[in-house]
Amino acid sequence: MSILRKYEIMILLTEEFNDNELKTWVFNYAKNLRKFSVCDISVISRGKHNLAYPINDKGKGNYIQLNFASMPKYISNFSNILKMDSNVLRFLVFHKQA
């Protein structure tokens, strides 16, 4: 039996989202996470900020922080889902130490 570990994903989304669209995107992604038996999901919107350099010709982006607990074997699945999303400019996964 695998042990649940705590993770944090910082996601940089395109700036085209308004508040309602952003909430819908995050809700749908959280539903995807639940398919992999993820628990303790918390979402923090870090707002829209200027980027230090353009990414895919975008100068601004929405920052979203997701905290959750999961088995380590599912992290690559989460990463693949994010890689396929055209709205995601960048993301970074952190393993949080207890």
PDB file of N, CA and C in Angstrom:
ATOM      1  N   MET A   1       0.836  -1.186   0.000  1.00  0.00           N
ATOM      2  CA  MET A   1       0.000   0.000   0.000  1.00  0.00           C
ATOM      3  C   MET A   1       0.882   1.251   0.000  1.00  0.00           C
ATOM      4  N   SER A   2       0.570   2.169  -0.903  1.00  0.00           N
ATOM      5  CA  SER A   2       1.348   3.401  -1.002  1.00  0.00           C
ATOM      6  C   SER A   2       0.869   4.426   0.017  1.00  0.00           C
ATOM      7  N   ILE A   3       1.760   5.267   0.393  1.00  0.00           N
ATOM      8  CA  ILE A   3       1.465   6.327   1.349  1.00  0.00           C
ATOM      9  C   ILE A   3       1.105   7.601   0.592  1.00  0.00           C
ATOM     10  N   LEU A   4       0.119   8.325   1.093  1.00  0.00           N
ATOM     11  CA  LEU A   4      -0.225   9.619   0.509  1.00  0.00           C
ATOM     12  C   LEU A   4       0.838  10.636   0.885  1.00  0.00           C
ATOM     13  N   ARG A   5       1.231  11.415  -0.087  1.00  0.00           N
ATOM     14  CA  ARG A   5       2.196  12.492   0.146  1.00  0.00           C
ATOM     15  C   ARG A   5       1.565  13.812  -0.261  1.00  0.00           C
ATOM     16  N   LYS A   6       2.049  14.882   0.345  1.00  0.00           N
ATOM     17  CA  LYS A   6       1.508  16.204   0.046  1.00  0.00           C
ATOM     18  C   LYS A   6       2.279  16.840  -1.106  1.00  0.00           C
ATOM     19  N   TYR A   7       1.517  17.446  -2.021  1.00  0.00           N
ATOM     20  CA  TYR A   7       2.093  18.099  -3.186  1.00  0.00           C
ATOM     21  C   TYR A   7       1.498  19.484  -3.364  1.00  0.00           C
ATOM     22  N   GLU A   8       2.238  20.302  -4.083  1.00  0.00           N
ATOM     23  CA  GLU A   8       1.771  21.619  -4.488  1.00  0.00           C
ATOM     24  C   GLU A   8       2.100  21.766  -5.965  1.00  0.00           C
ATOM     25  N   ILE A   9       1.124  22.218  -6.742  1.00  0.00           N
ATOM     26  CA  ILE A   9       1.360  22.506  -8.159  1.00  0.00           C
ATOM     27  C   ILE A   9       1.102  23.986  -8.361  1.00  0.00           C
ATOM     28  N   MET A  10       2.079  24.678  -8.910  1.00  0.00           N
ATOM     29  CA  MET A  10       1.925  26.082  -9.278  1.00  0.00           C
ATOM     30  C   MET A  10       1.712  26.099 -10.791  1.00  0.00           C
ATOM     31  N   ILE A  11       0.592  26.668 -11.219  1.00  0.00           N
ATOM     32  CA  ILE A  11       0.207  26.650 -12.631  1.00  0.00           C
ATOM     33  C   ILE A  11       0.117  28.085 -13.137  1.00  0.00           C
ATOM     34  N   LEU A  12       0.710  28.323 -14.297  1.00  0.00           N
ATOM     35  CA  LEU A  12       0.612  29.612 -14.970  1.00  0.00           C
ATOM     36  C   LEU A  12      -0.313  29.428 -16.169  1.00  0.00           C
ATOM     37  N   LEU A  13      -1.482  30.064 -16.109  1.00  0.00           N
ATOM     38  CA  LEU A  13      -2.471  29.988 -17.184  1.00  0.00           C
ATOM     39  C   LEU A  13      -2.433  31.254 -18.027  1.00  0.00           C
ATOM     40  N   THR A  14      -2.954  31.162 -19.229  1.00  0.00           N
ATOM     41  CA  THR A  14      -3.033  32.339 -20.088  1.00  0.00           C
ATOM     42  C   THR A  14      -3.917  33.395 -19.434  1.00  0.00           C
ATOM     43  N   GLU A  15      -3.741  34.639 -19.830  1.00  0.00           N
ATOM     44  CA  GLU A  15      -4.455  35.744 -19.196  1.00  0.00           C
ATOM     45  C   GLU A  15      -5.881  35.919 -19.710  1.00  0.00           C
ATOM     46  N   GLU A  16      -6.283  35.176 -20.734  1.00  0.00           N
ATOM     47  CA  GLU A  16      -7.588  35.371 -21.351  1.00  0.00           C
ATOM     48  C   GLU A  16      -8.766  35.013 -20.452  1.00  0.00           C
ATOM     49  N   PHE A  17      -8.535  34.292 -19.374  1.00  0.00           N
ATOM     50  CA  PHE A  17      -9.613  33.869 -18.489  1.00  0.00           C
ATOM     51  C   PHE A  17     -10.174  35.041 -17.703  1.00  0.00           C
ATOM     52  N   ASN A  18     -11.522  35.137 -17.658  1.00  0.00           N
ATOM     53  CA  ASN A  18     -12.121  36.045 -16.681  1.00  0.00           C
ATOM     54  C   ASN A  18     -12.332  35.234 -15.407  1.00  0.00           C
ATOM     55  N   ASP A  19     -12.880  35.852 -14.358  1.00  0.00           N
ATOM     56  CA  ASP A  19     -12.991  35.166 -13.065  1.00  0.00           C
ATOM     57  C   ASP A  19     -13.849  33.907 -13.146  1.00  0.00           C
ATOM     58  N   ASN A  20     -14.987  33.976 -13.849  1.00  0.00           N
ATOM     59  CA  ASN A  20     -15.867  32.808 -13.948  1.00  0.00           C
ATOM     60  C   ASN A  20     -15.212  31.674 -14.733  1.00  0.00           C
ATOM     61  N   GLU A  21     -14.546  32.004 -15.827  1.00  0.00           N
ATOM     62  CA  GLU A  21     -13.866  30.980 -16.628  1.00  0.00           C
ATOM     63  C   GLU A  21     -12.727  30.346 -15.833  1.00  0.00           C
ATOM     64  N   LEU A  22     -12.038  31.142 -15.063  1.00  0.00           N
ATOM     65  CA  LEU A  22     -10.943  30.636 -14.238  1.00  0.00           C
ATOM     66  C   LEU A  22     -11.468  29.657 -13.187  1.00  0.00           C
ATOM     67  N   LYS A  23     -12.574  30.022 -12.530  1.00  0.00           N
ATOM     68  CA  LYS A  23     -13.187  29.127 -11.548  1.00  0.00           C
ATOM     69  C   LYS A  23     -13.633  27.822 -12.198  1.00  0.00           C
ATOM     70  N   THR A  24     -14.204  27.898 -13.395  1.00  0.00           N
ATOM     71  CA  THR A  24     -14.647  26.697 -14.112  1.00  0.00           C
ATOM     72  C   THR A  24     -13.464  25.815 -14.464  1.00  0.00           C
ATOM     73  N   TRP A  25     -12.362  26.417 -14.946  1.00  0.00           N
ATOM     74  CA  TRP A  25     -11.181  25.632 -15.303  1.00  0.00           C
ATOM     75  C   TRP A  25     -10.640  24.915 -14.077  1.00  0.00           C
ATOM     76  N   VAL A  26     -10.520  25.625 -12.966  1.00  0.00           N
ATOM     77  CA  VAL A  26      -9.984  25.032 -11.737  1.00  0.00           C
ATOM     78  C   VAL A  26     -10.910  23.933 -11.227  1.00  0.00           C
ATOM     79  N   PHE A  27     -12.206  24.153 -11.272  1.00  0.00           N
ATOM     80  CA  PHE A  27     -13.170  23.139 -10.831  1.00  0.00           C
ATOM     81  C   PHE A  27     -13.038  21.868 -11.674  1.00  0.00           C
ATOM     82  N   ASN A  28     -12.943  22.018 -12.992  1.00  0.00           N
ATOM     83  CA  ASN A  28     -12.796  20.856 -13.875  1.00  0.00           C
ATOM     84  C   ASN A  28     -11.484  20.122 -13.620  1.00  0.00           C
ATOM     85  N   TYR A  29     -10.429  20.853 -13.377  1.00  0.00           N
ATOM     86  CA  TYR A  29      -9.148  20.207 -13.090  1.00  0.00           C
ATOM     87  C   TYR A  29      -9.206  19.472 -11.752  1.00  0.00           C
ATOM     88  N   ALA A  30      -9.852  20.053 -10.755  1.00  0.00           N
ATOM     89  CA  ALA A  30     -10.002  19.383  -9.458  1.00  0.00           C
ATOM     90  C   ALA A  30     -10.813  18.098  -9.614  1.00  0.00           C
ATOM     91  N   LYS A  31     -11.824  18.118 -10.494  1.00  0.00           N
ATOM     92  CA  LYS A  31     -12.581  16.895 -10.774  1.00  0.00           C
ATOM     93  C   LYS A  31     -11.682  15.838 -11.398  1.00  0.00           C
ATOM     94  N   ASN A  32     -10.786  16.243 -12.286  1.00  0.00           N
ATOM     95  CA  ASN A  32      -9.824  15.302 -12.880  1.00  0.00           C
ATOM     96  C   ASN A  32      -8.929  14.700 -11.811  1.00  0.00           C
ATOM     97  N   LEU A  33      -8.497  15.510 -10.864  1.00  0.00           N
ATOM     98  CA  LEU A  33      -7.644  15.010  -9.794  1.00  0.00           C
ATOM     99  C   LEU A  33      -8.379  13.964  -8.951  1.00  0.00           C
ATOM    100  N   ARG A  34      -9.659  14.170  -8.725  1.00  0.00           N
ATOM    101  CA  ARG A  34     -10.438  13.229  -7.917  1.00  0.00           C
ATOM    102  C   ARG A  34     -10.499  11.838  -8.552  1.00  0.00           C
ATOM    103  N   LYS A  35     -10.366  11.748  -9.875  1.00  0.00           N
ATOM    104  CA  LYS A  35     -10.351  10.443 -10.558  1.00  0.00           C
ATOM    105  C   LYS A  35      -9.178   9.590 -10.090  1.00  0.00           C
ATOM    106  N   PHE A  36      -8.135  10.238  -9.585  1.00  0.00           N
ATOM    107  CA  PHE A  36      -6.931   9.541  -9.136  1.00  0.00           C
ATOM    108  C   PHE A  36      -6.870   9.434  -7.613  1.00  0.00           C
ATOM    109  N   SER A  37      -8.025   9.500  -6.963  1.00  0.00           N
ATOM    110  CA  SER A  37      -8.119   9.357  -5.505  1.00  0.00           C
ATOM    111  C   SER A  37      -7.306  10.407  -4.742  1.00  0.00           C
ATOM    112  N   VAL A  38      -7.283  11.604  -5.258  1.00  0.00           N
ATOM    113  CA  VAL A  38      -6.602  12.710  -4.585  1.00  0.00           C
ATOM    114  C   VAL A  38      -7.495  13.236  -3.476  1.00  0.00           C
ATOM    115  N   CYS A  39      -6.905  13.627  -2.365  1.00  0.00           N
ATOM    116  CA  CYS A  39      -7.702  14.182  -1.275  1.00  0.00           C
ATOM    117  C   CYS A  39      -7.063  15.483  -0.775  1.00  0.00           C
ATOM    118  N   ASP A  40      -7.796  16.161   0.075  1.00  0.00           N
ATOM    119  CA  ASP A  40      -7.341  17.422   0.683  1.00  0.00           C
ATOM    120  C   ASP A  40      -6.939  18.467  -0.355  1.00  0.00           C
ATOM    121  N   ILE A  41      -7.790  18.663  -1.360  1.00  0.00           N
ATOM    122  CA  ILE A  41      -7.491  19.635  -2.417  1.00  0.00           C
ATOM    123  C   ILE A  41      -7.834  21.039  -1.927  1.00  0.00           C
ATOM    124  N   SER A  42      -6.891  21.955  -2.074  1.00  0.00           N
ATOM    125  CA  SER A  42      -7.161  23.371  -1.825  1.00  0.00           C
ATOM    126  C   SER A  42      -6.616  24.170  -3.001  1.00  0.00           C
ATOM    127  N   VAL A  43      -7.353  25.206  -3.361  1.00  0.00           N
ATOM    128  CA  VAL A  43      -7.005  26.029  -4.519  1.00  0.00           C
ATOM    129  C   VAL A  43      -6.822  27.464  -4.055  1.00  0.00           C
ATOM    130  N   ILE A  44      -5.725  28.066  -4.495  1.00  0.00           N
ATOM    131  CA  ILE A  44      -5.455  29.473  -4.181  1.00  0.00           C
ATOM    132  C   ILE A  44      -5.164  30.191  -5.493  1.00  0.00           C
ATOM    133  N   SER A  45      -5.958  31.202  -5.789  1.00  0.00           N
ATOM    134  CA  SER A  45      -5.702  32.021  -6.972  1.00  0.00           C
ATOM    135  C   SER A  45      -4.713  33.110  -6.577  1.00  0.00           C
ATOM    136  N   ARG A  46      -3.584  33.152  -7.243  1.00  0.00           N
ATOM    137  CA  ARG A  46      -2.546  34.138  -6.941  1.00  0.00           C
ATOM    138  C   ARG A  46      -2.658  35.384  -7.810  1.00  0.00           C
ATOM    139  N   GLY A  47      -3.672  35.420  -8.682  1.00  0.00           N
ATOM    140  CA  GLY A  47      -3.941  36.612  -9.468  1.00  0.00           C
ATOM    141  C   GLY A  47      -3.233  36.652 -10.810  1.00  0.00           C
ATOM    142  N   LYS A  48      -3.488  37.738 -11.517  1.00  0.00           N
ATOM    143  CA  LYS A  48      -2.901  37.967 -12.837  1.00  0.00           C
ATOM    144  C   LYS A  48      -1.694  38.882 -12.679  1.00  0.00           C
ATOM    145  N   HIS A  49      -0.568  38.464 -13.261  1.00  0.00           N
ATOM    146  CA  HIS A  49       0.672  39.236 -13.128  1.00  0.00           C
ATOM    147  C   HIS A  49       1.384  39.340 -14.467  1.00  0.00           C
ATOM    148  N   ASN A  50       2.198  40.385 -14.600  1.00  0.00           N
ATOM    149  CA  ASN A  50       3.072  40.507 -15.762  1.00  0.00           C
ATOM    150  C   ASN A  50       4.157  39.440 -15.675  1.00  0.00           C
ATOM    151  N   LEU A  51       4.526  38.892 -16.820  1.00  0.00           N
ATOM    152  CA  LEU A  51       5.591  37.890 -16.866  1.00  0.00           C
ATOM    153  C   LEU A  51       6.937  38.588 -17.038  1.00  0.00           C
ATOM    154  N   ALA A  52       7.982  37.993 -16.539  1.00  0.00           N
ATOM    155  CA  ALA A  52       9.326  38.558 -16.666  1.00  0.00           C
ATOM    156  C   ALA A  52       9.776  38.541 -18.124  1.00  0.00           C
ATOM    157  N   TYR A  53       9.293  37.573 -18.884  1.00  0.00           N
ATOM    158  CA  TYR A  53       9.590  37.473 -20.314  1.00  0.00           C
ATOM    159  C   TYR A  53       8.386  36.815 -20.982  1.00  0.00           C
ATOM    160  N   PRO A  54       8.160  37.100 -22.274  1.00  0.00           N
ATOM    161  CA  PRO A  54       6.994  36.526 -22.953  1.00  0.00           C
ATOM    162  C   PRO A  54       7.094  34.999 -23.074  1.00  0.00           C
ATOM    163  N   ILE A  55       5.967  34.340 -22.870  1.00  0.00           N
ATOM    164  CA  ILE A  55       5.863  32.893 -23.067  1.00  0.00           C
ATOM    165  C   ILE A  55       4.748  32.687 -24.082  1.00  0.00           C
ATOM    166  N   ASN A  56       5.076  32.080 -25.203  1.00  0.00           N
ATOM    167  CA  ASN A  56       4.100  31.877 -26.285  1.00  0.00           C
ATOM    168  C   ASN A  56       3.418  33.195 -26.668  1.00  0.00           C
ATOM    169  N   ASP A  57       4.195  34.250 -26.748  1.00  0.00           N
ATOM    170  CA  ASP A  57       3.725  35.595 -27.098  1.00  0.00           C
ATOM    171  C   ASP A  57       2.729  36.170 -26.096  1.00  0.00           C
ATOM    172  N   LYS A  58       2.755  35.699 -24.861  1.00  0.00           N
ATOM    173  CA  LYS A  58       1.877  36.211 -23.806  1.00  0.00           C
ATOM    174  C   LYS A  58       2.714  37.019 -22.825  1.00  0.00           C
ATOM    175  N   GLY A  59       2.207  38.186 -22.427  1.00  0.00           N
ATOM    176  CA  GLY A  59       2.931  39.045 -21.500  1.00  0.00           C
ATOM    177  C   GLY A  59       2.417  38.986 -20.076  1.00  0.00           C
ATOM    178  N   LYS A  60       1.202  38.412 -19.900  1.00  0.00           N
ATOM    179  CA  LYS A  60       0.605  38.281 -18.571  1.00  0.00           C
ATOM    180  C   LYS A  60       0.086  36.860 -18.407  1.00  0.00           C
ATOM    181  N   GLY A  61      -0.116  36.475 -17.140  1.00  0.00           N
ATOM    182  CA  GLY A  61      -0.664  35.160 -16.882  1.00  0.00           C
ATOM    183  C   GLY A  61      -1.351  35.092 -15.528  1.00  0.00           C
ATOM    184  N   ASN A  62      -2.265  34.139 -15.400  1.00  0.00           N
ATOM    185  CA  ASN A  62      -2.962  33.865 -14.144  1.00  0.00           C
ATOM    186  C   ASN A  62      -2.213  32.772 -13.394  1.00  0.00           C
ATOM    187  N   TYR A  63      -1.917  33.020 -12.136  1.00  0.00           N
ATOM    188  CA  TYR A  63      -1.216  32.040 -11.315  1.00  0.00           C
ATOM    189  C   TYR A  63      -2.216  31.325 -10.403  1.00  0.00           C
ATOM    190  N   ILE A  64      -2.182  30.003 -10.434  1.00  0.00           N
ATOM    191  CA  ILE A  64      -3.049  29.161  -9.607  1.00  0.00           C
ATOM    192  C   ILE A  64      -2.169  28.208  -8.814  1.00  0.00           C
ATOM    193  N   GLN A  65      -2.450  28.084  -7.530  1.00  0.00           N
ATOM    194  CA  GLN A  65      -1.727  27.154  -6.667  1.00  0.00           C
ATOM    195  C   GLN A  65      -2.703  26.072  -6.212  1.00  0.00           C
ATOM    196  N   LEU A  66      -2.352  24.810  -6.455  1.00  0.00           N
ATOM    197  CA  LEU A  66      -3.152  23.674  -6.001  1.00  0.00           C
ATOM    198  C   LEU A  66      -2.358  22.896  -4.967  1.00  0.00           C
ATOM    199  N   ASN A  67      -2.941  22.654  -3.809  1.00  0.00           N
ATOM    200  CA  ASN A  67      -2.338  21.820  -2.772  1.00  0.00           C
ATOM    201  C   ASN A  67      -3.204  20.581  -2.628  1.00  0.00           C
ATOM    202  N   PHE A  68      -2.587  19.419  -2.511  1.00  0.00           N
ATOM    203  CA  PHE A  68      -3.354  18.184  -2.393  1.00  0.00           C
ATOM    204  C   PHE A  68      -2.474  17.066  -1.870  1.00  0.00           C
ATOM    205  N   ALA A  69      -3.113  15.959  -1.514  1.00  0.00           N
ATOM    206  CA  ALA A  69      -2.407  14.752  -1.091  1.00  0.00           C
ATOM    207  C   ALA A  69      -2.696  13.663  -2.116  1.00  0.00           C
ATOM    208  N   SER A  70      -1.656  12.931  -2.499  1.00  0.00           N
ATOM    209  CA  SER A  70      -1.798  11.907  -3.526  1.00  0.00           C
ATOM    210  C   SER A  70      -0.725  10.847  -3.362  1.00  0.00           C
ATOM    211  N   MET A  71      -0.947   9.729  -4.030  1.00  0.00           N
ATOM    212  CA  MET A  71       0.105   8.717  -4.108  1.00  0.00           C
ATOM    213  C   MET A  71       1.099   9.158  -5.179  1.00  0.00           C
ATOM    214  N   PRO A  72       2.381   8.976  -4.946  1.00  0.00           N
ATOM    215  CA  PRO A  72       3.405   9.455  -5.880  1.00  0.00           C
ATOM    216  C   PRO A  72       3.252   8.931  -7.314  1.00  0.00           C
ATOM    217  N   LYS A  73       2.693   7.746  -7.475  1.00  0.00           N
ATOM    218  CA  LYS A  73       2.596   7.162  -8.820  1.00  0.00           C
ATOM    219  C   LYS A  73       1.671   7.954  -9.746  1.00  0.00           C
ATOM    220  N   TYR A  74       0.807   8.821  -9.196  1.00  0.00           N
ATOM    221  CA  TYR A  74      -0.133   9.578 -10.028  1.00  0.00           C
ATOM    222  C   TYR A  74       0.399  10.929 -10.489  1.00  0.00           C
ATOM    223  N   ILE A  75       1.511  11.372  -9.968  1.00  0.00           N
ATOM    224  CA  ILE A  75       2.014  12.711 -10.293  1.00  0.00           C
ATOM    225  C   ILE A  75       2.324  12.859 -11.777  1.00  0.00           C
ATOM    226  N   SER A  76       2.874  11.825 -12.401  1.00  0.00           N
ATOM    227  CA  SER A  76       3.163  11.915 -13.840  1.00  0.00           C
ATOM    228  C   SER A  76       1.871  12.030 -14.640  1.00  0.00           C
ATOM    229  N   ASN A  77       0.787  11.401 -14.176  1.00  0.00           N
ATOM    230  CA  ASN A  77      -0.511  11.533 -14.860  1.00  0.00           C
ATOM    231  C   ASN A  77      -1.005  12.973 -14.790  1.00  0.00           C
ATOM    232  N   PHE A  78      -0.875  13.604 -13.613  1.00  0.00           N
ATOM    233  CA  PHE A  78      -1.278  15.003 -13.467  1.00  0.00           C
ATOM    234  C   PHE A  78      -0.468  15.892 -14.404  1.00  0.00           C
ATOM    235  N   SER A  79       0.818  15.650 -14.452  1.00  0.00           N
ATOM    236  CA  SER A  79       1.700  16.448 -15.313  1.00  0.00           C
ATOM    237  C   SER A  79       1.309  16.300 -16.780  1.00  0.00           C
ATOM    238  N   ASN A  80       0.984  15.090 -17.205  1.00  0.00           N
ATOM    239  CA  ASN A  80       0.590  14.867 -18.598  1.00  0.00           C
ATOM    240  C   ASN A  80      -0.704  15.590 -18.937  1.00  0.00           C
ATOM    241  N   ILE A  81      -1.653  15.616 -18.021  1.00  0.00           N
ATOM    242  CA  ILE A  81      -2.905  16.341 -18.252  1.00  0.00           C
ATOM    243  C   ILE A  81      -2.618  17.832 -18.440  1.00  0.00           C
ATOM    244  N   LEU A  82      -1.743  18.383 -17.606  1.00  0.00           N
ATOM    245  CA  LEU A  82      -1.396  19.798 -17.727  1.00  0.00           C
ATOM    246  C   LEU A  82      -0.635  20.098 -19.016  1.00  0.00           C
ATOM    247  N   LYS A  83       0.257  19.189 -19.417  1.00  0.00           N
ATOM    248  CA  LYS A  83       1.033  19.404 -20.648  1.00  0.00           C
ATOM    249  C   LYS A  83       0.139  19.477 -21.869  1.00  0.00           C
ATOM    250  N   MET A  84      -0.966  18.753 -21.857  1.00  0.00           N
ATOM    251  CA  MET A  84      -1.868  18.715 -23.010  1.00  0.00           C
ATOM    252  C   MET A  84      -2.839  19.888 -23.059  1.00  0.00           C
ATOM    253  N   ASP A  85      -2.941  20.654 -21.984  1.00  0.00           N
ATOM    254  CA  ASP A  85      -3.866  21.780 -21.920  1.00  0.00           C
ATOM    255  C   ASP A  85      -3.227  23.009 -22.561  1.00  0.00           C
ATOM    256  N   SER A  86      -3.852  23.507 -23.608  1.00  0.00           N
ATOM    257  CA  SER A  86      -3.286  24.660 -24.332  1.00  0.00           C
ATOM    258  C   SER A  86      -3.357  25.953 -23.527  1.00  0.00           C
ATOM    259  N   ASN A  87      -4.156  25.996 -22.476  1.00  0.00           N
ATOM    260  CA  ASN A  87      -4.256  27.188 -21.629  1.00  0.00           C
ATOM    261  C   ASN A  87      -3.142  27.277 -20.599  1.00  0.00           C
ATOM    262  N   VAL A  88      -2.400  26.204 -20.407  1.00  0.00           N
ATOM    263  CA  VAL A  88      -1.325  26.171 -19.417  1.00  0.00           C
ATOM    264  C   VAL A  88      -0.021  26.600 -20.089  1.00  0.00           C
ATOM    265  N   LEU A  89       0.550  27.689 -19.599  1.00  0.00           N
ATOM    266  CA  LEU A  89       1.827  28.156 -20.140  1.00  0.00           C
ATOM    267  C   LEU A  89       2.995  27.434 -19.483  1.00  0.00           C
ATOM    268  N   ARG A  90       2.932  27.286 -18.160  1.00  0.00           N
ATOM    269  CA  ARG A  90       3.974  26.604 -17.392  1.00  0.00           C
ATOM    270  C   ARG A  90       3.347  26.018 -16.142  1.00  0.00           C
ATOM    271  N   PHE A  91       4.005  25.020 -15.569  1.00  0.00           N
ATOM    272  CA  PHE A  91       3.604  24.503 -14.267  1.00  0.00           C
ATOM    273  C   PHE A  91       4.810  23.877 -13.588  1.00  0.00           C
ATOM    274  N   LEU A  92       4.725  23.797 -12.275  1.00  0.00           N
ATOM    275  CA  LEU A  92       5.797  23.222 -11.487  1.00  0.00           C
ATOM    276  C   LEU A  92       5.180  22.443 -10.336  1.00  0.00           C
ATOM    277  N   VAL A  93       5.655  21.211 -10.132  1.00  0.00           N
ATOM    278  CA  VAL A  93       5.133  20.347  -9.071  1.00  0.00           C
ATOM    279  C   VAL A  93       6.161  20.281  -7.952  1.00  0.00           C
ATOM    280  N   PHE A  94       5.706  20.520  -6.730  1.00  0.00           N
ATOM    281  CA  PHE A  94       6.563  20.448  -5.551  1.00  0.00           C
ATOM    282  C   PHE A  94       6.077  19.337  -4.647  1.00  0.00           C
ATOM    283  N   HIS A  95       7.015  18.574  -4.101  1.00  0.00           N
ATOM    284  CA  HIS A  95       6.692  17.613  -3.041  1.00  0.00           C
ATOM    285  C   HIS A  95       6.917  18.341  -1.730  1.00  0.00           C
ATOM    286  N   LYS A  96       5.877  18.455  -0.919  1.00  0.00           N
ATOM    287  CA  LYS A  96       5.986  19.179   0.342  1.00  0.00           C
ATOM    288  C   LYS A  96       6.389  18.218   1.445  1.00  0.00           C
ATOM    289  N   GLN A  97       7.411  18.568   2.176  1.00  0.00           N
ATOM    290  CA  GLN A  97       7.859  17.763   3.289  1.00  0.00           C
ATOM    291  C   GLN A  97       6.933  17.961   4.478  1.00  0.00           C
ATOM    292  N   ALA A  98       6.679  16.900   5.199  1.00  0.00           N
ATOM    293  CA  ALA A  98       5.767  16.981   6.357  1.00  0.00           C
ATOM    294  C   ALA A  98       6.404  17.680   7.524  1.00  0.00           C
TER     295      ALA A  98
END
